[in-house]
Amino acid sequence: LKREIPEGWEGVVLRDVIQHINTGLNPRDNFTFGGEIKYITVKNLTKDGYIDFSSCDTIDEDARCKVHTRSQIEVGDILYASICPLGRTYLITEEPNDWDINESVFSIRPNYKKITSEYLNMLLKDDYYIAKLSNSSTGSIFLGIRIKQLESTQILLPSYNILSAFTKQIKDIVRLQANNYQQILSLTKQRDELLPLLMNGQV
């Protein structure tokens, strides 16, 4: 890695500490938009590490079943934007019952015996790794990272005791941040709906 690392830490390849990396499905030739299930693309992953469901495409249950031939996301998975700007991630903290992902989003499932979701998510958002993966990106129209490239990336791994202590400290904070962000979006939407009515004297 060409970096000084603390004693007891090691450089490992990402594929050795995860269960798998999957991706969603492109609607082209597979299904059409419309339905009650939110269809997450890279545009919905924010630079702050959250999901913005506003202006989100939707699909129906039949389409979702087709998406599940490629990926079935669950709590603890990390969503990763596979095309530039790289480094946009989201750690799933709630059951994704009414949303799914398209092919521009990877779902990374950690091997929980070796690494935690919280640590890996923060690592992938680190400026060093964003630059490292951006330098490996390819593509003629949209620069992006391939699954094999991502799997072969070397990352820093502390001892499991340090990893567990770190995760214990931040786990509740991560979930609180995600919950607060969704509340902010909801309140912002209510404000935007009420403000014109107030200005017109309708309420």
N, C-alpha and C. Protein backbone atom coordinates (compact mmCIF):
# COMPACT_ATOMS: atom_id res chain seq x y z
N LEU A 1 0.81 -1.22 0.00
CA LEU A 1 0.00 0.00 0.00
C LEU A 1 0.85 1.27 0.00
N LYS A 2 2.16 1.11 0.24
CA LYS A 2 3.07 2.25 0.27
C LYS A 2 2.65 3.28 1.33
N ARG A 3 2.17 2.78 2.46
CA ARG A 3 1.76 3.64 3.56
C ARG A 3 2.23 3.02 4.87
N GLU A 4 2.52 3.88 5.85
CA GLU A 4 2.81 3.37 7.18
C GLU A 4 1.51 3.00 7.86
N ILE A 5 1.45 1.81 8.41
CA ILE A 5 0.23 1.37 9.08
C ILE A 5 0.56 0.94 10.50
N PRO A 6 -0.41 1.02 11.41
CA PRO A 6 -0.15 0.66 12.81
C PRO A 6 0.22 -0.82 12.96
N GLU A 7 0.94 -1.11 14.00
CA GLU A 7 1.30 -2.49 14.30
C GLU A 7 0.03 -3.31 14.56
N GLY A 8 -0.03 -4.48 13.99
CA GLY A 8 -1.20 -5.34 14.17
C GLY A 8 -2.22 -5.19 13.05
N TRP A 9 -2.06 -4.15 12.23
CA TRP A 9 -2.93 -3.98 11.07
C TRP A 9 -2.32 -4.72 9.89
N GLU A 10 -3.13 -4.96 8.86
CA GLU A 10 -2.61 -5.64 7.68
C GLU A 10 -3.32 -5.16 6.43
N GLY A 11 -2.63 -5.30 5.31
CA GLY A 11 -3.24 -5.02 4.03
C GLY A 11 -3.84 -6.29 3.47
N VAL A 12 -5.12 -6.27 3.15
CA VAL A 12 -5.79 -7.46 2.59
C VAL A 12 -6.52 -7.06 1.32
N VAL A 13 -6.83 -8.05 0.51
CA VAL A 13 -7.61 -7.81 -0.70
C VAL A 13 -9.09 -7.86 -0.33
N LEU A 14 -9.86 -6.93 -0.90
CA LEU A 14 -11.27 -6.80 -0.52
C LEU A 14 -12.03 -8.11 -0.64
N ARG A 15 -11.76 -8.87 -1.70
CA ARG A 15 -12.54 -10.11 -1.90
C ARG A 15 -12.36 -11.11 -0.75
N ASP A 16 -11.27 -10.96 0.01
CA ASP A 16 -11.00 -11.89 1.10
C ASP A 16 -11.79 -11.58 2.38
N VAL A 17 -12.45 -10.41 2.41
CA VAL A 17 -13.17 -10.04 3.64
C VAL A 17 -14.66 -9.77 3.37
N ILE A 18 -15.14 -10.15 2.18
CA ILE A 18 -16.55 -9.95 1.86
C ILE A 18 -17.16 -11.28 1.41
N GLN A 19 -18.49 -11.34 1.46
CA GLN A 19 -19.19 -12.52 0.94
C GLN A 19 -19.32 -12.43 -0.58
N HIS A 20 -19.72 -11.25 -1.07
CA HIS A 20 -19.86 -11.06 -2.51
C HIS A 20 -20.12 -9.60 -2.84
N ILE A 21 -19.97 -9.29 -4.12
CA ILE A 21 -20.41 -8.01 -4.68
C ILE A 21 -21.39 -8.34 -5.80
N ASN A 22 -22.61 -7.81 -5.70
CA ASN A 22 -23.62 -8.01 -6.73
C ASN A 22 -24.05 -6.67 -7.29
N THR A 23 -24.84 -6.71 -8.34
CA THR A 23 -25.36 -5.48 -8.92
C THR A 23 -26.79 -5.71 -9.37
N GLY A 24 -27.52 -4.62 -9.56
CA GLY A 24 -28.91 -4.71 -9.97
C GLY A 24 -29.04 -4.97 -11.46
N LEU A 25 -30.16 -4.56 -12.02
CA LEU A 25 -30.48 -4.90 -13.41
C LEU A 25 -30.90 -3.65 -14.16
N ASN A 26 -30.39 -3.52 -15.40
CA ASN A 26 -30.81 -2.42 -16.27
C ASN A 26 -32.22 -2.70 -16.78
N PRO A 27 -33.09 -1.68 -16.75
CA PRO A 27 -34.47 -1.92 -17.21
C PRO A 27 -34.57 -2.24 -18.70
N ARG A 28 -33.58 -1.82 -19.48
CA ARG A 28 -33.63 -2.01 -20.92
C ARG A 28 -33.83 -3.49 -21.27
N ASP A 29 -34.87 -3.77 -22.03
CA ASP A 29 -35.20 -5.13 -22.48
C ASP A 29 -35.58 -6.07 -21.33
N ASN A 30 -35.69 -5.55 -20.13
CA ASN A 30 -36.04 -6.41 -18.99
C ASN A 30 -37.40 -6.05 -18.39
N PHE A 31 -37.67 -4.73 -18.24
CA PHE A 31 -38.94 -4.29 -17.67
C PHE A 31 -39.10 -2.80 -17.94
N THR A 32 -40.27 -2.28 -17.64
CA THR A 32 -40.54 -0.85 -17.81
C THR A 32 -40.75 -0.22 -16.43
N PHE A 33 -40.62 1.09 -16.38
CA PHE A 33 -40.80 1.80 -15.13
C PHE A 33 -42.28 1.89 -14.76
N GLY A 34 -42.52 2.11 -13.47
CA GLY A 34 -43.89 2.27 -12.98
C GLY A 34 -44.20 1.23 -11.92
N GLY A 35 -44.73 1.68 -10.80
CA GLY A 35 -45.05 0.78 -9.70
C GLY A 35 -44.83 1.46 -8.37
N GLU A 36 -44.78 0.69 -7.31
CA GLU A 36 -44.65 1.23 -5.96
C GLU A 36 -43.26 1.05 -5.36
N ILE A 37 -42.38 0.34 -6.04
CA ILE A 37 -41.06 0.04 -5.49
C ILE A 37 -40.04 1.03 -6.04
N LYS A 38 -39.32 1.70 -5.14
CA LYS A 38 -38.33 2.69 -5.55
C LYS A 38 -37.11 1.98 -6.14
N TYR A 39 -36.62 2.54 -7.25
CA TYR A 39 -35.56 1.92 -8.04
C TYR A 39 -34.31 2.80 -7.96
N ILE A 40 -33.36 2.42 -7.09
CA ILE A 40 -32.22 3.26 -6.74
C ILE A 40 -31.15 3.21 -7.84
N THR A 41 -30.72 4.40 -8.27
CA THR A 41 -29.60 4.53 -9.20
C THR A 41 -28.54 5.39 -8.53
N VAL A 42 -27.43 5.63 -9.23
CA VAL A 42 -26.35 6.43 -8.64
C VAL A 42 -26.81 7.84 -8.30
N LYS A 43 -27.81 8.36 -9.02
CA LYS A 43 -28.27 9.73 -8.75
C LYS A 43 -28.94 9.85 -7.38
N ASN A 44 -29.36 8.72 -6.81
CA ASN A 44 -30.01 8.74 -5.50
C ASN A 44 -29.05 8.57 -4.34
N LEU A 45 -27.79 8.24 -4.64
CA LEU A 45 -26.77 8.13 -3.60
C LEU A 45 -26.10 9.50 -3.44
N THR A 46 -26.19 10.09 -2.26
CA THR A 46 -25.67 11.44 -2.06
C THR A 46 -24.19 11.40 -1.68
N LYS A 47 -23.53 12.54 -1.83
CA LYS A 47 -22.10 12.62 -1.48
C LYS A 47 -21.89 12.52 0.02
N ASP A 48 -22.96 12.71 0.82
CA ASP A 48 -22.87 12.64 2.28
C ASP A 48 -23.10 11.23 2.82
N GLY A 49 -23.37 10.27 1.91
CA GLY A 49 -23.52 8.89 2.35
C GLY A 49 -24.94 8.49 2.69
N TYR A 50 -25.93 9.13 2.04
CA TYR A 50 -27.33 8.80 2.30
C TYR A 50 -28.03 8.48 0.99
N ILE A 51 -29.30 8.10 1.10
CA ILE A 51 -30.14 7.90 -0.08
C ILE A 51 -31.18 9.01 -0.12
N ASP A 52 -31.30 9.65 -1.27
CA ASP A 52 -32.32 10.66 -1.49
C ASP A 52 -33.38 10.03 -2.40
N PHE A 53 -34.55 9.73 -1.82
CA PHE A 53 -35.59 9.04 -2.57
C PHE A 53 -36.42 9.99 -3.44
N SER A 54 -36.20 11.30 -3.34
CA SER A 54 -36.95 12.24 -4.17
C SER A 54 -36.52 12.06 -5.63
N SER A 55 -37.46 12.25 -6.53
CA SER A 55 -37.24 12.05 -7.98
C SER A 55 -36.66 10.68 -8.27
N CYS A 56 -37.15 9.70 -7.53
CA CYS A 56 -36.66 8.32 -7.69
C CYS A 56 -37.56 7.56 -8.66
N ASP A 57 -36.96 6.81 -9.59
CA ASP A 57 -37.74 5.96 -10.49
C ASP A 57 -38.41 4.85 -9.68
N THR A 58 -39.47 4.27 -10.23
CA THR A 58 -40.17 3.18 -9.54
C THR A 58 -40.38 2.00 -10.49
N ILE A 59 -40.52 0.83 -9.89
CA ILE A 59 -40.80 -0.40 -10.64
C ILE A 59 -41.88 -1.19 -9.90
N ASP A 60 -42.41 -2.22 -10.54
CA ASP A 60 -43.41 -3.05 -9.88
C ASP A 60 -42.78 -4.35 -9.35
N GLU A 61 -43.61 -5.19 -8.73
CA GLU A 61 -43.09 -6.40 -8.09
C GLU A 61 -42.52 -7.39 -9.10
N ASP A 62 -43.13 -7.47 -10.29
CA ASP A 62 -42.59 -8.37 -11.32
C ASP A 62 -41.18 -7.95 -11.72
N ALA A 63 -40.98 -6.64 -11.85
CA ALA A 63 -39.65 -6.13 -12.20
C ALA A 63 -38.67 -6.40 -11.07
N ARG A 64 -39.12 -6.25 -9.84
CA ARG A 64 -38.26 -6.50 -8.69
C ARG A 64 -37.78 -7.97 -8.67
N CYS A 65 -38.66 -8.88 -9.03
CA CYS A 65 -38.28 -10.29 -9.08
C CYS A 65 -37.17 -10.52 -10.11
N LYS A 66 -37.22 -9.77 -11.22
CA LYS A 66 -36.17 -9.88 -12.23
C LYS A 66 -34.86 -9.30 -11.70
N VAL A 67 -34.95 -8.19 -10.97
CA VAL A 67 -33.75 -7.60 -10.37
C VAL A 67 -33.10 -8.60 -9.42
N HIS A 68 -33.93 -9.37 -8.74
CA HIS A 68 -33.42 -10.33 -7.75
C HIS A 68 -32.69 -11.52 -8.37
N THR A 69 -32.74 -11.64 -9.69
CA THR A 69 -31.92 -12.65 -10.33
C THR A 69 -30.45 -12.23 -10.31
N ARG A 70 -30.21 -10.93 -10.05
CA ARG A 70 -28.84 -10.41 -9.99
C ARG A 70 -28.43 -10.07 -8.56
N SER A 71 -29.36 -9.53 -7.79
CA SER A 71 -28.99 -9.05 -6.46
C SER A 71 -30.20 -9.03 -5.54
N GLN A 72 -30.00 -9.45 -4.30
CA GLN A 72 -31.01 -9.32 -3.26
C GLN A 72 -30.37 -8.60 -2.09
N ILE A 73 -30.71 -7.32 -1.94
CA ILE A 73 -30.07 -6.50 -0.91
C ILE A 73 -30.73 -6.74 0.44
N GLU A 74 -29.94 -6.52 1.50
CA GLU A 74 -30.46 -6.70 2.86
C GLU A 74 -29.72 -5.76 3.81
N VAL A 75 -30.22 -5.68 5.05
CA VAL A 75 -29.59 -4.85 6.07
C VAL A 75 -28.14 -5.28 6.26
N GLY A 76 -27.24 -4.30 6.29
CA GLY A 76 -25.81 -4.58 6.44
C GLY A 76 -25.05 -4.50 5.14
N ASP A 77 -25.76 -4.59 4.00
CA ASP A 77 -25.10 -4.44 2.71
C ASP A 77 -24.69 -2.98 2.52
N ILE A 78 -23.64 -2.77 1.75
CA ILE A 78 -23.18 -1.43 1.41
C ILE A 78 -23.45 -1.19 -0.06
N LEU A 79 -24.20 -0.14 -0.35
CA LEU A 79 -24.44 0.25 -1.74
C LEU A 79 -23.28 1.14 -2.19
N TYR A 80 -22.78 0.90 -3.39
CA TYR A 80 -21.60 1.60 -3.89
C TYR A 80 -21.86 2.04 -5.32
N ALA A 81 -21.70 3.34 -5.58
CA ALA A 81 -21.88 3.87 -6.93
C ALA A 81 -20.74 3.39 -7.81
N SER A 82 -21.06 2.65 -8.86
CA SER A 82 -20.01 2.03 -9.68
C SER A 82 -19.51 2.95 -10.78
N ILE A 83 -20.18 4.09 -11.01
CA ILE A 83 -19.72 5.03 -12.02
C ILE A 83 -19.43 6.37 -11.35
N CYS A 84 -18.59 7.16 -12.01
CA CYS A 84 -18.15 8.43 -11.43
C CYS A 84 -19.34 9.37 -11.22
N PRO A 85 -19.31 10.17 -10.12
CA PRO A 85 -18.21 10.24 -9.15
C PRO A 85 -18.22 9.05 -8.19
N LEU A 86 -17.08 8.34 -8.14
CA LEU A 86 -16.97 7.20 -7.24
C LEU A 86 -16.90 7.68 -5.79
N GLY A 87 -17.13 6.74 -4.87
CA GLY A 87 -17.04 7.08 -3.45
C GLY A 87 -18.38 7.35 -2.80
N ARG A 88 -19.45 7.32 -3.58
CA ARG A 88 -20.78 7.49 -2.99
C ARG A 88 -21.28 6.13 -2.51
N THR A 89 -21.52 6.03 -1.22
CA THR A 89 -21.93 4.77 -0.63
C THR A 89 -23.14 4.98 0.27
N TYR A 90 -23.78 3.88 0.61
CA TYR A 90 -24.86 3.92 1.61
C TYR A 90 -24.90 2.58 2.33
N LEU A 91 -24.84 2.64 3.64
CA LEU A 91 -24.96 1.44 4.47
C LEU A 91 -26.43 1.22 4.78
N ILE A 92 -26.96 0.08 4.36
CA ILE A 92 -28.38 -0.23 4.58
C ILE A 92 -28.62 -0.53 6.05
N THR A 93 -29.43 0.29 6.70
CA THR A 93 -29.71 0.12 8.12
C THR A 93 -31.16 -0.26 8.38
N GLU A 94 -31.99 -0.23 7.33
CA GLU A 94 -33.39 -0.58 7.49
C GLU A 94 -33.77 -1.59 6.40
N GLU A 95 -34.79 -2.40 6.67
CA GLU A 95 -35.19 -3.41 5.69
C GLU A 95 -35.61 -2.74 4.38
N PRO A 96 -34.95 -3.10 3.26
CA PRO A 96 -35.29 -2.48 1.97
C PRO A 96 -36.50 -3.15 1.33
N ASN A 97 -37.64 -3.06 2.00
CA ASN A 97 -38.83 -3.76 1.53
C ASN A 97 -39.44 -3.12 0.29
N ASP A 98 -39.29 -1.80 0.15
CA ASP A 98 -39.95 -1.11 -0.95
C ASP A 98 -38.97 -0.40 -1.86
N TRP A 99 -37.74 -0.91 -1.95
CA TRP A 99 -36.79 -0.36 -2.91
C TRP A 99 -35.75 -1.40 -3.31
N ASP A 100 -35.12 -1.14 -4.47
CA ASP A 100 -34.10 -2.04 -4.99
C ASP A 100 -33.12 -1.23 -5.82
N ILE A 101 -32.13 -1.88 -6.44
CA ILE A 101 -31.05 -1.16 -7.11
C ILE A 101 -30.96 -1.52 -8.60
N ASN A 102 -30.36 -0.60 -9.37
CA ASN A 102 -30.13 -0.90 -10.78
C ASN A 102 -28.67 -1.27 -10.99
N GLU A 103 -28.27 -1.46 -12.22
CA GLU A 103 -26.93 -2.01 -12.49
C GLU A 103 -25.80 -1.02 -12.25
N SER A 104 -26.11 0.26 -12.05
CA SER A 104 -25.05 1.23 -11.77
C SER A 104 -24.67 1.25 -10.29
N VAL A 105 -25.35 0.44 -9.49
CA VAL A 105 -25.09 0.39 -8.05
C VAL A 105 -24.67 -1.03 -7.66
N PHE A 106 -23.53 -1.13 -7.00
CA PHE A 106 -23.08 -2.42 -6.46
C PHE A 106 -23.61 -2.59 -5.05
N SER A 107 -23.91 -3.82 -4.68
CA SER A 107 -24.21 -4.14 -3.28
C SER A 107 -23.09 -5.03 -2.76
N ILE A 108 -22.41 -4.55 -1.72
CA ILE A 108 -21.27 -5.26 -1.15
C ILE A 108 -21.70 -5.85 0.19
N ARG A 109 -21.57 -7.16 0.33
CA ARG A 109 -21.95 -7.82 1.58
C ARG A 109 -20.69 -8.29 2.31
N PRO A 110 -20.40 -7.70 3.48
CA PRO A 110 -19.18 -8.07 4.21
C PRO A 110 -19.24 -9.51 4.74
N ASN A 111 -18.08 -10.08 4.96
CA ASN A 111 -17.97 -11.31 5.72
C ASN A 111 -17.84 -10.87 7.18
N TYR A 112 -18.91 -11.02 7.94
CA TYR A 112 -18.98 -10.43 9.28
C TYR A 112 -18.01 -11.07 10.27
N LYS A 113 -17.41 -12.19 9.89
CA LYS A 113 -16.40 -12.79 10.75
C LYS A 113 -15.05 -12.10 10.59
N LYS A 114 -14.93 -11.28 9.53
CA LYS A 114 -13.65 -10.64 9.25
C LYS A 114 -13.71 -9.12 9.27
N ILE A 115 -14.85 -8.53 8.94
CA ILE A 115 -14.96 -7.08 8.83
C ILE A 115 -16.39 -6.67 9.12
N THR A 116 -16.60 -5.44 9.56
CA THR A 116 -17.95 -4.95 9.84
C THR A 116 -18.41 -4.01 8.74
N SER A 117 -19.72 -3.90 8.59
CA SER A 117 -20.29 -3.02 7.58
C SER A 117 -19.89 -1.57 7.82
N GLU A 118 -19.91 -1.16 9.08
CA GLU A 118 -19.62 0.23 9.42
C GLU A 118 -18.20 0.62 9.05
N TYR A 119 -17.25 -0.25 9.37
CA TYR A 119 -15.85 0.04 9.06
C TYR A 119 -15.61 0.06 7.55
N LEU A 120 -16.13 -0.95 6.85
CA LEU A 120 -15.92 -1.03 5.41
C LEU A 120 -16.56 0.14 4.69
N ASN A 121 -17.74 0.53 5.13
CA ASN A 121 -18.42 1.67 4.50
C ASN A 121 -17.59 2.94 4.64
N MET A 122 -17.07 3.19 5.83
CA MET A 122 -16.27 4.39 6.04
C MET A 122 -14.94 4.32 5.27
N LEU A 123 -14.40 3.13 5.14
CA LEU A 123 -13.15 2.96 4.41
C LEU A 123 -13.34 3.30 2.93
N LEU A 124 -14.43 2.81 2.34
CA LEU A 124 -14.68 3.04 0.92
C LEU A 124 -14.96 4.52 0.62
N LYS A 125 -15.37 5.27 1.63
CA LYS A 125 -15.63 6.70 1.45
C LYS A 125 -14.39 7.56 1.70
N ASP A 126 -13.31 6.93 2.14
CA ASP A 126 -12.09 7.66 2.45
C ASP A 126 -11.48 8.24 1.17
N ASP A 127 -10.95 9.47 1.25
CA ASP A 127 -10.39 10.15 0.07
C ASP A 127 -9.31 9.31 -0.62
N TYR A 128 -8.51 8.61 0.19
CA TYR A 128 -7.43 7.80 -0.38
C TYR A 128 -7.99 6.72 -1.30
N TYR A 129 -9.03 6.03 -0.84
CA TYR A 129 -9.59 4.94 -1.63
C TYR A 129 -10.42 5.46 -2.80
N ILE A 130 -11.06 6.62 -2.63
CA ILE A 130 -11.78 7.22 -3.76
C ILE A 130 -10.80 7.52 -4.89
N ALA A 131 -9.64 8.13 -4.55
CA ALA A 131 -8.64 8.44 -5.56
C ALA A 131 -8.06 7.17 -6.17
N LYS A 132 -7.80 6.18 -5.32
CA LYS A 132 -7.22 4.91 -5.79
C LYS A 132 -8.15 4.22 -6.78
N LEU A 133 -9.44 4.15 -6.46
CA LEU A 133 -10.39 3.48 -7.34
C LEU A 133 -10.71 4.31 -8.57
N SER A 134 -10.69 5.63 -8.42
CA SER A 134 -10.93 6.51 -9.58
C SER A 134 -9.84 6.33 -10.62
N ASN A 135 -8.61 6.12 -10.18
CA ASN A 135 -7.50 5.90 -11.09
C ASN A 135 -7.61 4.58 -11.84
N SER A 136 -8.42 3.66 -11.30
CA SER A 136 -8.61 2.35 -11.93
C SER A 136 -9.87 2.31 -12.79
N SER A 137 -10.63 3.41 -12.81
CA SER A 137 -11.90 3.42 -13.54
C SER A 137 -11.67 3.43 -15.04
N THR A 138 -12.60 2.83 -15.77
CA THR A 138 -12.52 2.75 -17.23
C THR A 138 -13.90 3.05 -17.82
N GLY A 139 -13.96 3.21 -19.14
CA GLY A 139 -15.23 3.43 -19.82
C GLY A 139 -15.11 4.50 -20.87
N SER A 140 -15.86 4.35 -21.98
CA SER A 140 -15.81 5.30 -23.07
C SER A 140 -16.82 6.44 -22.90
N ILE A 141 -17.94 6.16 -22.25
CA ILE A 141 -18.98 7.19 -22.04
C ILE A 141 -18.98 7.63 -20.59
N PHE A 142 -19.16 6.67 -19.67
CA PHE A 142 -19.12 6.95 -18.24
C PHE A 142 -17.95 6.19 -17.62
N LEU A 143 -17.06 6.90 -16.93
CA LEU A 143 -16.00 6.20 -16.22
C LEU A 143 -16.59 5.44 -15.05
N GLY A 144 -16.15 4.22 -14.89
CA GLY A 144 -16.69 3.41 -13.80
C GLY A 144 -15.71 2.34 -13.37
N ILE A 145 -16.05 1.67 -12.29
CA ILE A 145 -15.23 0.59 -11.74
C ILE A 145 -15.93 -0.73 -11.99
N ARG A 146 -15.19 -1.75 -12.32
CA ARG A 146 -15.75 -3.09 -12.52
C ARG A 146 -15.66 -3.89 -11.22
N ILE A 147 -16.53 -4.89 -11.10
CA ILE A 147 -16.58 -5.68 -9.87
C ILE A 147 -15.22 -6.32 -9.58
N LYS A 148 -14.57 -6.89 -10.60
CA LYS A 148 -13.28 -7.55 -10.38
C LYS A 148 -12.22 -6.56 -9.92
N GLN A 149 -12.28 -5.33 -10.45
CA GLN A 149 -11.32 -4.31 -10.01
C GLN A 149 -11.55 -3.96 -8.54
N LEU A 150 -12.81 -3.82 -8.18
CA LEU A 150 -13.14 -3.48 -6.80
C LEU A 150 -12.74 -4.61 -5.85
N GLU A 151 -13.01 -5.84 -6.26
CA GLU A 151 -12.67 -7.01 -5.43
C GLU A 151 -11.17 -7.13 -5.19
N SER A 152 -10.36 -6.71 -6.15
CA SER A 152 -8.91 -6.86 -6.04
C SER A 152 -8.24 -5.69 -5.34
N THR A 153 -9.03 -4.71 -4.88
CA THR A 153 -8.46 -3.55 -4.20
C THR A 153 -7.93 -3.94 -2.82
N GLN A 154 -6.74 -3.49 -2.50
CA GLN A 154 -6.19 -3.73 -1.17
C GLN A 154 -6.73 -2.70 -0.19
N ILE A 155 -7.11 -3.18 1.00
CA ILE A 155 -7.61 -2.29 2.04
C ILE A 155 -6.86 -2.55 3.33
N LEU A 156 -6.97 -1.62 4.27
CA LEU A 156 -6.35 -1.77 5.58
C LEU A 156 -7.32 -2.41 6.56
N LEU A 157 -6.85 -3.39 7.28
CA LEU A 157 -7.70 -4.10 8.23
C LEU A 157 -7.03 -4.13 9.60
N PRO A 158 -7.69 -3.59 10.63
CA PRO A 158 -7.13 -3.67 11.99
C PRO A 158 -7.40 -5.04 12.58
N SER A 159 -6.88 -5.26 13.78
CA SER A 159 -7.19 -6.50 14.49
C SER A 159 -8.69 -6.53 14.78
N TYR A 160 -9.23 -7.74 14.97
CA TYR A 160 -10.69 -7.84 15.16
C TYR A 160 -11.13 -7.17 16.46
N ASN A 161 -10.28 -7.17 17.47
CA ASN A 161 -10.62 -6.49 18.73
C ASN A 161 -10.81 -5.00 18.52
N ILE A 162 -9.89 -4.39 17.79
CA ILE A 162 -10.01 -2.96 17.48
C ILE A 162 -11.24 -2.71 16.60
N LEU A 163 -11.43 -3.58 15.62
CA LEU A 163 -12.57 -3.46 14.71
C LEU A 163 -13.89 -3.52 15.48
N SER A 164 -14.00 -4.44 16.41
CA SER A 164 -15.23 -4.60 17.19
C SER A 164 -15.47 -3.39 18.10
N ALA A 165 -14.40 -2.89 18.73
CA ALA A 165 -14.53 -1.74 19.61
C ALA A 165 -14.94 -0.50 18.83
N PHE A 166 -14.34 -0.30 17.67
CA PHE A 166 -14.67 0.83 16.80
C PHE A 166 -16.14 0.77 16.37
N THR A 167 -16.56 -0.41 15.92
CA THR A 167 -17.93 -0.57 15.44
C THR A 167 -18.95 -0.34 16.55
N LYS A 168 -18.63 -0.82 17.74
CA LYS A 168 -19.53 -0.61 18.89
C LYS A 168 -19.73 0.87 19.17
N GLN A 169 -18.67 1.65 18.98
CA GLN A 169 -18.74 3.09 19.25
C GLN A 169 -19.61 3.83 18.23
N ILE A 170 -19.56 3.41 16.96
CA ILE A 170 -20.21 4.21 15.92
C ILE A 170 -21.52 3.63 15.39
N LYS A 171 -21.84 2.38 15.76
CA LYS A 171 -22.99 1.70 15.17
C LYS A 171 -24.29 2.48 15.36
N ASP A 172 -24.58 2.88 16.58
CA ASP A 172 -25.81 3.62 16.84
C ASP A 172 -25.80 5.00 16.19
N ILE A 173 -24.61 5.61 16.12
CA ILE A 173 -24.49 6.93 15.50
C ILE A 173 -24.83 6.86 14.01
N VAL A 174 -24.35 5.83 13.34
CA VAL A 174 -24.61 5.65 11.91
C VAL A 174 -26.10 5.53 11.65
N ARG A 175 -26.79 4.73 12.47
CA ARG A 175 -28.22 4.55 12.28
C ARG A 175 -29.00 5.81 12.61
N LEU A 176 -28.56 6.53 13.63
CA LEU A 176 -29.22 7.79 13.98
C LEU A 176 -29.05 8.82 12.87
N GLN A 177 -27.87 8.89 12.28
CA GLN A 177 -27.63 9.81 11.18
C GLN A 177 -28.56 9.50 10.00
N ALA A 178 -28.67 8.23 9.66
CA ALA A 178 -29.53 7.84 8.53
C ALA A 178 -30.98 8.19 8.80
N ASN A 179 -31.44 7.93 10.04
CA ASN A 179 -32.81 8.25 10.41
C ASN A 179 -33.06 9.75 10.38
N ASN A 180 -32.10 10.53 10.90
CA ASN A 180 -32.23 11.99 10.90
C ASN A 180 -32.28 12.54 9.48
N TYR A 181 -31.48 11.97 8.60
CA TYR A 181 -31.45 12.45 7.22
C TYR A 181 -32.80 12.26 6.54
N GLN A 182 -33.41 11.08 6.75
CA GLN A 182 -34.72 10.84 6.14
C GLN A 182 -35.78 11.77 6.73
N GLN A 183 -35.67 12.07 8.03
CA GLN A 183 -36.61 13.03 8.64
C GLN A 183 -36.43 14.42 8.05
N ILE A 184 -35.17 14.82 7.80
CA ILE A 184 -34.89 16.12 7.19
C ILE A 184 -35.52 16.19 5.80
N LEU A 185 -35.38 15.12 5.02
CA LEU A 185 -35.98 15.11 3.68
C LEU A 185 -37.49 15.24 3.76
N SER A 186 -38.10 14.53 4.72
CA SER A 186 -39.55 14.58 4.88
C SER A 186 -40.01 15.98 5.27
N LEU A 187 -39.30 16.60 6.22
CA LEU A 187 -39.66 17.95 6.66
C LEU A 187 -39.43 18.97 5.55
N THR A 188 -38.38 18.79 4.78
CA THR A 188 -38.11 19.70 3.66
C THR A 188 -39.24 19.63 2.64
N LYS A 189 -39.71 18.41 2.37
CA LYS A 189 -40.81 18.24 1.42
C LYS A 189 -42.08 18.93 1.94
N GLN A 190 -42.36 18.77 3.24
CA GLN A 190 -43.54 19.43 3.82
C GLN A 190 -43.41 20.94 3.74
N ARG A 191 -42.22 21.46 4.03
CA ARG A 191 -41.99 22.90 3.95
C ARG A 191 -42.25 23.42 2.54
N ASP A 192 -41.71 22.70 1.54
CA ASP A 192 -41.86 23.14 0.15
C ASP A 192 -43.31 23.09 -0.31
N GLU A 193 -44.10 22.18 0.27
CA GLU A 193 -45.52 22.11 -0.08
C GLU A 193 -46.33 23.19 0.62
N LEU A 194 -45.95 23.51 1.87
CA LEU A 194 -46.72 24.48 2.66
C LEU A 194 -46.38 25.94 2.34
N LEU A 195 -45.12 26.19 2.00
CA LEU A 195 -44.68 27.58 1.80
C LEU A 195 -45.48 28.33 0.74
N PRO A 196 -45.73 27.73 -0.45
CA PRO A 196 -46.54 28.44 -1.45
C PRO A 196 -47.96 28.72 -0.95
N LEU A 197 -48.51 27.78 -0.18
CA LEU A 197 -49.87 27.98 0.35
C LEU A 197 -49.87 29.13 1.37
N LEU A 198 -48.83 29.23 2.16
CA LEU A 198 -48.73 30.33 3.13
C LEU A 198 -48.58 31.67 2.41
N MET A 199 -47.75 31.68 1.38
CA MET A 199 -47.52 32.92 0.62
C MET A 199 -48.79 33.40 -0.06
N ASN A 200 -49.66 32.46 -0.46
CA ASN A 200 -50.91 32.81 -1.14
C ASN A 200 -52.07 33.02 -0.17
N GLY A 201 -51.79 32.85 1.11
CA GLY A 201 -52.84 33.04 2.11
C GLY A 201 -53.86 31.95 2.14
N GLN A 202 -53.49 30.75 1.64
CA GLN A 202 -54.44 29.63 1.59
C GLN A 202 -54.48 28.87 2.90
N VAL A 203 -53.43 29.02 3.72
CA VAL A 203 -53.43 28.40 5.04
C VAL A 203 -52.96 29.43 6.06
